[in-house]
């Protein structure tokens, strides 16, 4: 018997080689969950990891120390930087 589809659920379809599907089905069975739950779970783990890598900046210890030093003691603006700041729209500088 088919499960009722929630109004909040979406359907995702994709083609896959038979050997790949068999391997995923085996993994789902070994995990003790159905194929849909397994694919959804693994896709969400991969999505979260991908988003995390894209949104987080990882600095080395050396680079983190340099950044802190620049924030604590910013360099004096040179003429080029002053000119660039003057060319910005007035509402861009706060």
C-alpha atoms as a PDB file:
ATOM      1  CA  UNK A   1       0.000   0.000   0.000  1.00  0.00           C
ATOM      2  CA  UNK A   2       1.400   3.386  -0.987  1.00  0.00           C
ATOM      3  CA  UNK A   3       2.030   5.954   1.679  1.00  0.00           C
ATOM      4  CA  UNK A   4       0.009   9.168   1.444  1.00  0.00           C
ATOM      5  CA  UNK A   5       2.080  12.035   0.116  1.00  0.00           C
ATOM      6  CA  UNK A   6       2.209  15.062   2.377  1.00  0.00           C
ATOM      7  CA  UNK A   7       1.353  18.395   0.784  1.00  0.00           C
ATOM      8  CA  UNK A   8       4.767  19.605   1.926  1.00  0.00           C
ATOM      9  CA  UNK A   9       6.765  16.880   0.194  1.00  0.00           C
ATOM     10  CA  UNK A  10       8.348  17.185  -3.228  1.00  0.00           C
ATOM     11  CA  UNK A  11       9.251  14.436  -5.655  1.00  0.00           C
ATOM     12  CA  UNK A  12      12.789  14.051  -7.017  1.00  0.00           C
ATOM     13  CA  UNK A  13      13.455  11.747  -9.949  1.00  0.00           C
ATOM     14  CA  UNK A  14      16.738  10.800 -11.559  1.00  0.00           C
ATOM     15  CA  UNK A  15      18.120   8.044 -13.717  1.00  0.00           C
ATOM     16  CA  UNK A  16      20.785   5.716 -12.370  1.00  0.00           C
ATOM     17  CA  UNK A  17      22.623   2.661 -13.644  1.00  0.00           C
ATOM     18  CA  UNK A  18      21.221  -0.647 -12.404  1.00  0.00           C
ATOM     19  CA  UNK A  19      24.534  -1.537 -10.708  1.00  0.00           C
ATOM     20  CA  UNK A  20      24.562   1.755  -8.825  1.00  0.00           C
ATOM     21  CA  UNK A  21      20.970   1.321  -7.690  1.00  0.00           C
ATOM     22  CA  UNK A  22      21.701  -2.216  -6.495  1.00  0.00           C
ATOM     23  CA  UNK A  23      24.622  -0.922  -4.451  1.00  0.00           C
ATOM     24  CA  UNK A  24      22.510   1.846  -2.905  1.00  0.00           C
ATOM     25  CA  UNK A  25      19.683  -0.603  -2.132  1.00  0.00           C
ATOM     26  CA  UNK A  26      22.210  -2.893  -0.429  1.00  0.00           C
ATOM     27  CA  UNK A  27      23.526   0.025   1.648  1.00  0.00           C
ATOM     28  CA  UNK A  28      19.982   1.025   2.600  1.00  0.00           C
ATOM     29  CA  UNK A  29      19.187  -2.545   3.647  1.00  0.00           C
ATOM     30  CA  UNK A  30      22.375  -2.771   5.690  1.00  0.00           C
ATOM     31  CA  UNK A  31      21.389   0.511   7.371  1.00  0.00           C
ATOM     32  CA  UNK A  32      17.960  -0.883   8.183  1.00  0.00           C
ATOM     33  CA  UNK A  33      16.033   1.833   6.367  1.00  0.00           C
ATOM     34  CA  UNK A  34      14.092   2.028   3.132  1.00  0.00           C
ATOM     35  CA  UNK A  35      15.667   3.245  -0.102  1.00  0.00           C
ATOM     36  CA  UNK A  36      13.920   6.629  -0.097  1.00  0.00           C
ATOM     37  CA  UNK A  37      14.972   7.397   3.471  1.00  0.00           C
ATOM     38  CA  UNK A  38      18.536   6.298   2.776  1.00  0.00           C
ATOM     39  CA  UNK A  39      18.889   8.405  -0.387  1.00  0.00           C
ATOM     40  CA  UNK A  40      17.271  11.424   1.301  1.00  0.00           C
ATOM     41  CA  UNK A  41      19.509  11.060   4.370  1.00  0.00           C
ATOM     42  CA  UNK A  42      22.712  10.730   2.339  1.00  0.00           C
ATOM     43  CA  UNK A  43      21.746  13.571  -0.003  1.00  0.00           C
ATOM     44  CA  UNK A  44      21.057  15.857   2.966  1.00  0.00           C
ATOM     45  CA  UNK A  45      24.415  14.973   4.548  1.00  0.00           C
ATOM     46  CA  UNK A  46      26.177  15.765   1.269  1.00  0.00           C
ATOM     47  CA  UNK A  47      24.162  18.984   0.835  1.00  0.00           C
ATOM     48  CA  UNK A  48      24.986  20.211   4.344  1.00  0.00           C
ATOM     49  CA  UNK A  49      28.687  19.429   3.899  1.00  0.00           C
ATOM     50  CA  UNK A  50      28.775  21.213   0.541  1.00  0.00           C
ATOM     51  CA  UNK A  51      26.999  24.291   1.910  1.00  0.00           C
ATOM     52  CA  UNK A  52      29.273  24.346   4.972  1.00  0.00           C
ATOM     53  CA  UNK A  53      32.412  24.245   2.798  1.00  0.00           C
ATOM     54  CA  UNK A  54      31.076  27.011   0.554  1.00  0.00           C
ATOM     55  CA  UNK A  55      29.957  29.343   3.345  1.00  0.00           C
ATOM     56  CA  UNK A  56      32.787  28.965   5.847  1.00  0.00           C
ATOM     57  CA  UNK A  57      36.211  30.523   5.475  1.00  0.00           C
ATOM     58  CA  UNK A  58      38.922  28.381   7.027  1.00  0.00           C
ATOM     59  CA  UNK A  59      42.110  30.231   7.926  1.00  0.00           C
ATOM     60  CA  UNK A  60      45.407  28.761   8.932  1.00  0.00           C
ATOM     61  CA  UNK A  61      46.709  29.795  12.349  1.00  0.00           C
ATOM     62  CA  UNK A  62      49.215  32.122  10.651  1.00  0.00           C
ATOM     63  CA  UNK A  63      46.548  33.784   8.490  1.00  0.00           C
ATOM     64  CA  UNK A  64      44.172  34.145  11.441  1.00  0.00           C
ATOM     65  CA  UNK A  65      46.929  35.899  13.418  1.00  0.00           C
ATOM     66  CA  UNK A  66      47.654  38.211  10.481  1.00  0.00           C
ATOM     67  CA  UNK A  67      43.972  39.093  10.164  1.00  0.00           C
ATOM     68  CA  UNK A  68      43.726  39.889  13.873  1.00  0.00           C
ATOM     69  CA  UNK A  69      46.871  42.024  13.652  1.00  0.00           C
ATOM     70  CA  UNK A  70      45.424  43.985  10.704  1.00  0.00           C
ATOM     71  CA  UNK A  71      42.132  44.483  12.539  1.00  0.00           C
ATOM     72  CA  UNK A  72      43.939  45.647  15.694  1.00  0.00           C
ATOM     73  CA  UNK A  73      46.353  47.891  13.763  1.00  0.00           C
ATOM     74  CA  UNK A  74      44.942  48.693  10.351  1.00  0.00           C
ATOM     75  CA  UNK A  75      47.418  50.068   7.828  1.00  0.00           C
ATOM     76  CA  UNK A  76      47.258  53.786   7.019  1.00  0.00           C
ATOM     77  CA  UNK A  77      45.153  54.341   3.895  1.00  0.00           C
ATOM     78  CA  UNK A  78      47.310  55.143   0.866  1.00  0.00           C
ATOM     79  CA  UNK A  79      46.310  57.730  -1.763  1.00  0.00           C
ATOM     80  CA  UNK A  80      44.763  55.072  -4.031  1.00  0.00           C
ATOM     81  CA  UNK A  81      42.515  53.809  -1.225  1.00  0.00           C
ATOM     82  CA  UNK A  82      41.510  57.364  -0.291  1.00  0.00           C
ATOM     83  CA  UNK A  83      40.600  58.092  -3.924  1.00  0.00           C
ATOM     84  CA  UNK A  84      38.577  54.857  -4.162  1.00  0.00           C
ATOM     85  CA  UNK A  85      36.694  55.795  -0.980  1.00  0.00           C
ATOM     86  CA  UNK A  86      35.933  59.268  -2.362  1.00  0.00           C
ATOM     87  CA  UNK A  87      34.494  57.732  -5.538  1.00  0.00           C
ATOM     88  CA  UNK A  88      31.986  55.565  -3.637  1.00  0.00           C
ATOM     89  CA  UNK A  89      28.382  56.730  -3.424  1.00  0.00           C
ATOM     90  CA  UNK A  90      27.770  58.688  -0.204  1.00  0.00           C
ATOM     91  CA  UNK A  91      25.259  56.123   1.103  1.00  0.00           C
ATOM     92  CA  UNK A  92      27.787  53.276   0.678  1.00  0.00           C
ATOM     93  CA  UNK A  93      30.012  54.609   3.476  1.00  0.00           C
ATOM     94  CA  UNK A  94      28.693  54.215   6.995  1.00  0.00           C
END
